[in-house]
Amino acid sequence: MNRADLQHRIAELSEEIRHYPTPIARCDLHLPALLDERSELVKELEQLDEQGSCSPAAIWINDGGFHAA
């Protein structure tokens, strides 16, 4: 998934969680699944942010590659 897709899906999940019907039974399996999915997507988005917008090869090329001083 790209950044925009991740952000869109996280927003959808957050909206669904925000409007989840109450009361929530202890045996409910749907809400924890929504929370887990959102958590995983947030981690994936954070990893993309840590990587930055350039791949290591692109950074190497932009820094001069073989011709670096």
C-alpha atoms as a PDB file:
ATOM      1  CA  MET A   1       0.000   0.000   0.000  1.00  0.00           C
ATOM      2  CA  ASN A   2       1.198   3.504  -0.664  1.00  0.00           C
ATOM      3  CA  ARG A   3       1.048   6.349   1.871  1.00  0.00           C
ATOM      4  CA  ALA A   4      -2.272   7.756   0.599  1.00  0.00           C
ATOM      5  CA  ASP A   5      -3.934   4.322   0.677  1.00  0.00           C
ATOM      6  CA  LEU A   6      -2.690   3.712   4.223  1.00  0.00           C
ATOM      7  CA  GLN A   7      -3.916   7.102   5.441  1.00  0.00           C
ATOM      8  CA  HIS A   8      -7.309   6.568   3.798  1.00  0.00           C
ATOM      9  CA  ARG A   9      -7.763   3.103   5.323  1.00  0.00           C
ATOM     10  CA  ILE A  10      -6.660   4.337   8.766  1.00  0.00           C
ATOM     11  CA  ALA A  11      -9.229   7.150   8.534  1.00  0.00           C
ATOM     12  CA  GLU A  12     -11.954   4.657   7.550  1.00  0.00           C
ATOM     13  CA  LEU A  13     -11.103   2.367  10.453  1.00  0.00           C
ATOM     14  CA  SER A  14     -10.960   5.263  12.910  1.00  0.00           C
ATOM     15  CA  GLU A  15     -14.394   6.427  11.797  1.00  0.00           C
ATOM     16  CA  GLU A  16     -15.825   2.923  12.152  1.00  0.00           C
ATOM     17  CA  ILE A  17     -14.267   2.542  15.613  1.00  0.00           C
ATOM     18  CA  ARG A  18     -15.535   5.983  16.672  1.00  0.00           C
ATOM     19  CA  HIS A  19     -19.105   5.018  15.780  1.00  0.00           C
ATOM     20  CA  TYR A  20     -18.971   1.418  16.984  1.00  0.00           C
ATOM     21  CA  PRO A  21     -22.262   0.528  18.703  1.00  0.00           C
ATOM     22  CA  THR A  22     -22.276   0.294  22.450  1.00  0.00           C
ATOM     23  CA  PRO A  23     -22.406  -1.465  24.799  1.00  0.00           C
ATOM     24  CA  ILE A  24     -19.531  -3.638  23.692  1.00  0.00           C
ATOM     25  CA  ALA A  25     -19.746  -7.247  24.838  1.00  0.00           C
ATOM     26  CA  ARG A  26     -16.632  -8.947  26.193  1.00  0.00           C
ATOM     27  CA  CYS A  27     -17.049 -11.663  23.584  1.00  0.00           C
ATOM     28  CA  ASP A  28     -17.097  -9.131  20.717  1.00  0.00           C
ATOM     29  CA  LEU A  29     -14.446 -10.071  18.164  1.00  0.00           C
ATOM     30  CA  HIS A  30     -15.067  -7.394  15.545  1.00  0.00           C
ATOM     31  CA  LEU A  31     -13.866  -4.328  17.504  1.00  0.00           C
ATOM     32  CA  PRO A  32     -10.529  -5.875  18.546  1.00  0.00           C
ATOM     33  CA  ALA A  33      -9.958  -6.900  14.924  1.00  0.00           C
ATOM     34  CA  LEU A  34     -10.576  -3.305  13.796  1.00  0.00           C
ATOM     35  CA  LEU A  35      -8.178  -1.979  16.440  1.00  0.00           C
ATOM     36  CA  ASP A  36      -5.518  -4.527  15.477  1.00  0.00           C
ATOM     37  CA  GLU A  37      -5.821  -3.713  11.777  1.00  0.00           C
ATOM     38  CA  ARG A  38      -5.537   0.013  12.458  1.00  0.00           C
ATOM     39  CA  SER A  39      -2.533  -0.551  14.697  1.00  0.00           C
ATOM     40  CA  GLU A  40      -0.741  -2.567  12.008  1.00  0.00           C
ATOM     41  CA  LEU A  41      -1.475   0.066   9.362  1.00  0.00           C
ATOM     42  CA  VAL A  42      -0.190   2.841  11.638  1.00  0.00           C
ATOM     43  CA  LYS A  43       3.043   0.859  12.147  1.00  0.00           C
ATOM     44  CA  GLU A  44       3.360   0.426   8.380  1.00  0.00           C
ATOM     45  CA  LEU A  45       2.849   4.171   7.870  1.00  0.00           C
ATOM     46  CA  GLU A  46       5.462   4.950  10.534  1.00  0.00           C
ATOM     47  CA  GLN A  47       7.925   2.653   8.759  1.00  0.00           C
ATOM     48  CA  LEU A  48       7.323   4.530   5.514  1.00  0.00           C
ATOM     49  CA  ASP A  49       7.959   7.804   7.348  1.00  0.00           C
ATOM     50  CA  GLU A  50      11.214   6.453   8.797  1.00  0.00           C
ATOM     51  CA  GLN A  51      12.402   5.368   5.357  1.00  0.00           C
ATOM     52  CA  GLY A  52      11.782   8.791   3.881  1.00  0.00           C
ATOM     53  CA  SER A  53      10.704   9.415   0.338  1.00  0.00           C
ATOM     54  CA  CYS A  54      13.871   8.128  -1.356  1.00  0.00           C
ATOM     55  CA  SER A  55      15.121   4.590  -1.580  1.00  0.00           C
ATOM     56  CA  PRO A  56      18.733   3.913  -0.495  1.00  0.00           C
ATOM     57  CA  ALA A  57      19.730   3.570  -4.176  1.00  0.00           C
ATOM     58  CA  ALA A  58      18.185   6.943  -5.036  1.00  0.00           C
ATOM     59  CA  ILE A  59      19.988   8.614  -2.143  1.00  0.00           C
ATOM     60  CA  TRP A  60      23.261   7.013  -3.246  1.00  0.00           C
ATOM     61  CA  ILE A  61      22.801   8.222  -6.825  1.00  0.00           C
ATOM     62  CA  ASN A  62      21.834  11.742  -5.701  1.00  0.00           C
ATOM     63  CA  ASP A  63      24.916  11.849  -3.456  1.00  0.00           C
ATOM     64  CA  GLY A  64      27.166  11.198  -6.448  1.00  0.00           C
ATOM     65  CA  GLY A  65      27.211   7.418  -6.670  1.00  0.00           C
ATOM     66  CA  PHE A  66      30.507   6.248  -8.186  1.00  0.00           C
ATOM     67  CA  HIS A  67      31.543   9.847  -8.821  1.00  0.00           C
ATOM     68  CA  ALA A  68      31.311  11.034  -5.206  1.00  0.00           C
ATOM     69  CA  ALA A  69      34.348  12.882  -3.943  1.00  0.00           C
END
